[in-house]
Amino acid sequence: MAATGFHTADELNALLPGTLPGLLGLTITAHEPGRLEAALDVRPELLAPNGYLHAATVVGLADTACGLATRALLPEGSTGFTTIELKSNFLGTLREGRLTTVATNAHAGRTTQVWDAVVTAAGSGKTVALFRCTQSVLWPR
C-alpha cells in the first residue's frame, strides 16, 4: 500500500470491493486525519459456528479502520505501512444488528504509528471490543 495521504470516506470505500473488508461488507462512514469511523451489518456469514459474531469479523473491522486511517498520517517519502502488532479485548458480542468502530491515533511517528479502536453495537451503544494496533511505516530501500 503506497503512502497516499488523506482520502475522503467515499474514496476509501472505493478501495474496498474485491478485498477482505469488502467481503465483510465494511463501510467507511467518516474520516479526518487521526480519526476514522466504519461500520458493518452483522449477517449469518459473519457468525461463528456457535451463532455469535466471529472474533475475526470484529478484528477485521477494527484493523481495517486503523489501517485505512494510517494512510493519512504517513510521513512524506514513506512507501506505506504494515501491521506489526494487534490486540483485542472482547467485552460482548452480537448475533444481528450493526457493528460500528471509531479508530483514533495514539502515536504517529516516523517509524511506527499506534492506533486504538472501540467497536460498539450500534443499537445499544454497548462496547463489543477494545482494539490496539501498531503499524510499521515502510521506507524505500
Protein backbone atom coordinates (compact mmCIF):
# COMPACT_ATOMS: atom_id res chain seq x y z
CA MET A 1 0.00 0.00 0.00
CA ALA A 2 1.60 3.25 -1.08
CA ALA A 3 1.73 6.35 1.05
CA THR A 4 -1.19 8.24 -0.42
CA GLY A 5 -2.23 10.82 2.15
CA PHE A 6 -5.75 11.86 3.06
CA HIS A 7 -8.80 10.31 1.40
CA THR A 8 -12.46 11.04 1.93
CA ALA A 9 -14.77 8.31 3.19
CA ASP A 10 -16.10 7.84 -0.37
CA GLU A 11 -12.57 7.47 -1.77
CA LEU A 12 -11.71 4.90 0.89
CA ASN A 13 -14.94 2.97 0.25
CA ALA A 14 -13.97 2.77 -3.44
CA LEU A 15 -10.84 0.80 -2.41
CA LEU A 16 -12.81 -1.97 -0.66
CA PRO A 17 -14.53 -4.06 -3.39
CA GLY A 18 -12.62 -7.28 -4.03
CA THR A 19 -10.78 -7.14 -0.68
CA LEU A 20 -11.46 -8.78 2.69
CA PRO A 21 -13.06 -5.59 4.08
CA GLY A 22 -15.29 -5.56 1.01
CA LEU A 23 -16.29 -9.18 1.62
CA LEU A 24 -17.10 -8.32 5.24
CA GLY A 25 -19.40 -5.54 4.00
CA LEU A 26 -17.43 -2.83 5.78
CA THR A 27 -18.27 0.81 5.05
CA ILE A 28 -16.24 3.87 6.00
CA THR A 29 -18.68 6.42 7.40
CA ALA A 30 -16.34 9.32 8.32
CA HIS A 31 -12.65 10.19 8.03
CA GLU A 32 -10.44 13.02 9.17
CA PRO A 33 -6.70 12.88 9.88
CA GLY A 34 -6.22 10.92 13.11
CA ARG A 35 -9.79 9.55 13.25
CA LEU A 36 -11.88 7.17 11.14
CA GLU A 37 -15.36 5.71 11.63
CA ALA A 38 -16.56 2.49 10.00
CA ALA A 39 -19.47 0.06 10.25
CA LEU A 40 -20.77 -3.25 9.03
CA ASP A 41 -24.09 -5.04 9.23
CA VAL A 42 -23.97 -8.39 11.03
CA ARG A 43 -25.25 -11.21 8.85
CA PRO A 44 -25.16 -15.02 9.18
CA GLU A 45 -21.94 -15.36 7.13
CA LEU A 46 -20.07 -13.29 9.75
CA LEU A 47 -21.02 -15.51 12.69
CA ALA A 48 -19.01 -18.34 14.22
CA PRO A 49 -20.49 -21.86 14.25
CA ASN A 50 -21.79 -21.14 17.77
CA GLY A 51 -24.15 -18.49 16.35
CA TYR A 52 -22.33 -15.46 17.76
CA LEU A 53 -20.26 -12.86 15.96
CA HIS A 54 -16.91 -14.31 14.88
CA ALA A 55 -13.90 -12.63 16.52
CA ALA A 56 -12.25 -12.32 13.10
CA THR A 57 -15.13 -10.13 11.95
CA VAL A 58 -14.54 -7.71 14.82
CA VAL A 59 -10.77 -7.70 14.25
CA GLY A 60 -11.30 -7.20 10.52
CA LEU A 61 -13.47 -4.14 11.17
CA ALA A 62 -11.12 -2.58 13.73
CA ASP A 63 -7.87 -3.37 11.88
CA THR A 64 -9.24 -2.03 8.60
CA ALA A 65 -10.38 1.20 10.26
CA CYS A 66 -6.96 1.70 11.84
CA GLY A 67 -5.12 0.72 8.66
CA LEU A 68 -7.05 2.99 6.34
CA ALA A 69 -6.65 5.87 8.80
CA THR A 70 -2.89 5.26 8.94
CA ARG A 71 -2.57 6.32 5.31
CA ALA A 72 -3.42 9.96 6.09
CA LEU A 73 -0.65 10.27 8.67
CA LEU A 74 2.22 8.61 6.83
CA PRO A 75 5.40 10.71 6.73
CA GLU A 76 6.44 12.30 3.43
CA GLY A 77 8.61 9.88 1.45
CA SER A 78 7.35 6.69 3.10
CA THR A 79 6.08 3.93 0.82
CA GLY A 80 3.31 2.50 3.00
CA PHE A 81 2.86 0.54 6.21
CA THR A 82 2.14 -2.88 7.62
CA THR A 83 0.57 -4.04 10.86
CA ILE A 84 3.21 -5.46 13.22
CA GLU A 85 1.11 -5.99 16.33
CA LEU A 86 -2.55 -6.08 17.28
CA LYS A 87 -4.53 -6.84 20.40
CA SER A 88 -8.23 -7.17 21.05
CA ASN A 89 -10.23 -7.37 24.26
CA PHE A 90 -13.72 -8.72 23.62
CA LEU A 91 -16.34 -7.43 26.03
CA GLY A 92 -19.52 -8.52 24.30
CA THR A 93 -20.96 -9.99 21.12
CA LEU A 94 -23.84 -9.74 18.67
CA ARG A 95 -25.98 -12.10 16.62
CA GLU A 96 -27.58 -9.38 14.49
CA GLY A 97 -27.60 -5.63 14.04
CA ARG A 98 -24.90 -3.13 13.12
CA LEU A 99 -21.34 -3.02 14.38
CA THR A 100 -19.52 0.32 14.42
CA THR A 101 -15.99 1.40 15.24
CA VAL A 102 -14.08 4.59 15.83
CA ALA A 103 -10.32 4.42 15.25
CA THR A 104 -8.15 7.15 16.78
CA ASN A 105 -4.43 7.79 16.54
CA ALA A 106 -2.40 7.47 19.75
CA HIS A 107 1.04 7.98 18.14
CA ALA A 108 2.17 8.96 14.63
CA GLY A 109 5.94 8.73 14.43
CA ARG A 110 8.48 8.37 11.64
CA THR A 111 8.81 4.58 12.06
CA THR A 112 5.61 3.50 13.84
CA GLN A 113 2.02 4.50 14.41
CA VAL A 114 -0.20 3.28 17.24
CA TRP A 115 -3.98 3.23 16.82
CA ASP A 116 -6.89 2.48 19.15
CA ALA A 117 -10.36 1.42 18.06
CA VAL A 118 -13.54 0.95 20.06
CA VAL A 119 -16.05 -1.41 18.48
CA THR A 120 -19.67 -0.99 19.56
CA ALA A 121 -23.13 -2.41 18.92
CA ALA A 122 -24.91 0.41 17.12
CA GLY A 123 -28.34 -0.36 18.55
CA SER A 124 -27.37 -0.41 22.21
CA GLY A 125 -24.11 1.52 22.19
CA LYS A 126 -22.52 -1.27 24.23
CA THR A 127 -18.81 -1.85 23.73
CA VAL A 128 -18.10 -5.12 21.92
CA ALA A 129 -14.30 -4.83 21.78
CA LEU A 130 -11.31 -2.65 22.53
CA PHE A 131 -8.55 -2.87 19.93
CA ARG A 132 -5.00 -1.54 19.64
CA CYS A 133 -2.52 -1.98 16.81
CA THR A 134 0.96 -0.85 15.88
CA GLN A 135 1.78 -0.03 12.26
CA SER A 136 5.34 -0.09 10.93
CA VAL A 137 5.99 2.74 8.49
CA LEU A 138 7.75 1.44 5.36
CA TRP A 139 10.54 3.34 3.60
CA PRO A 140 12.27 2.83 0.23
CA ARG A 141 15.34 0.63 0.39
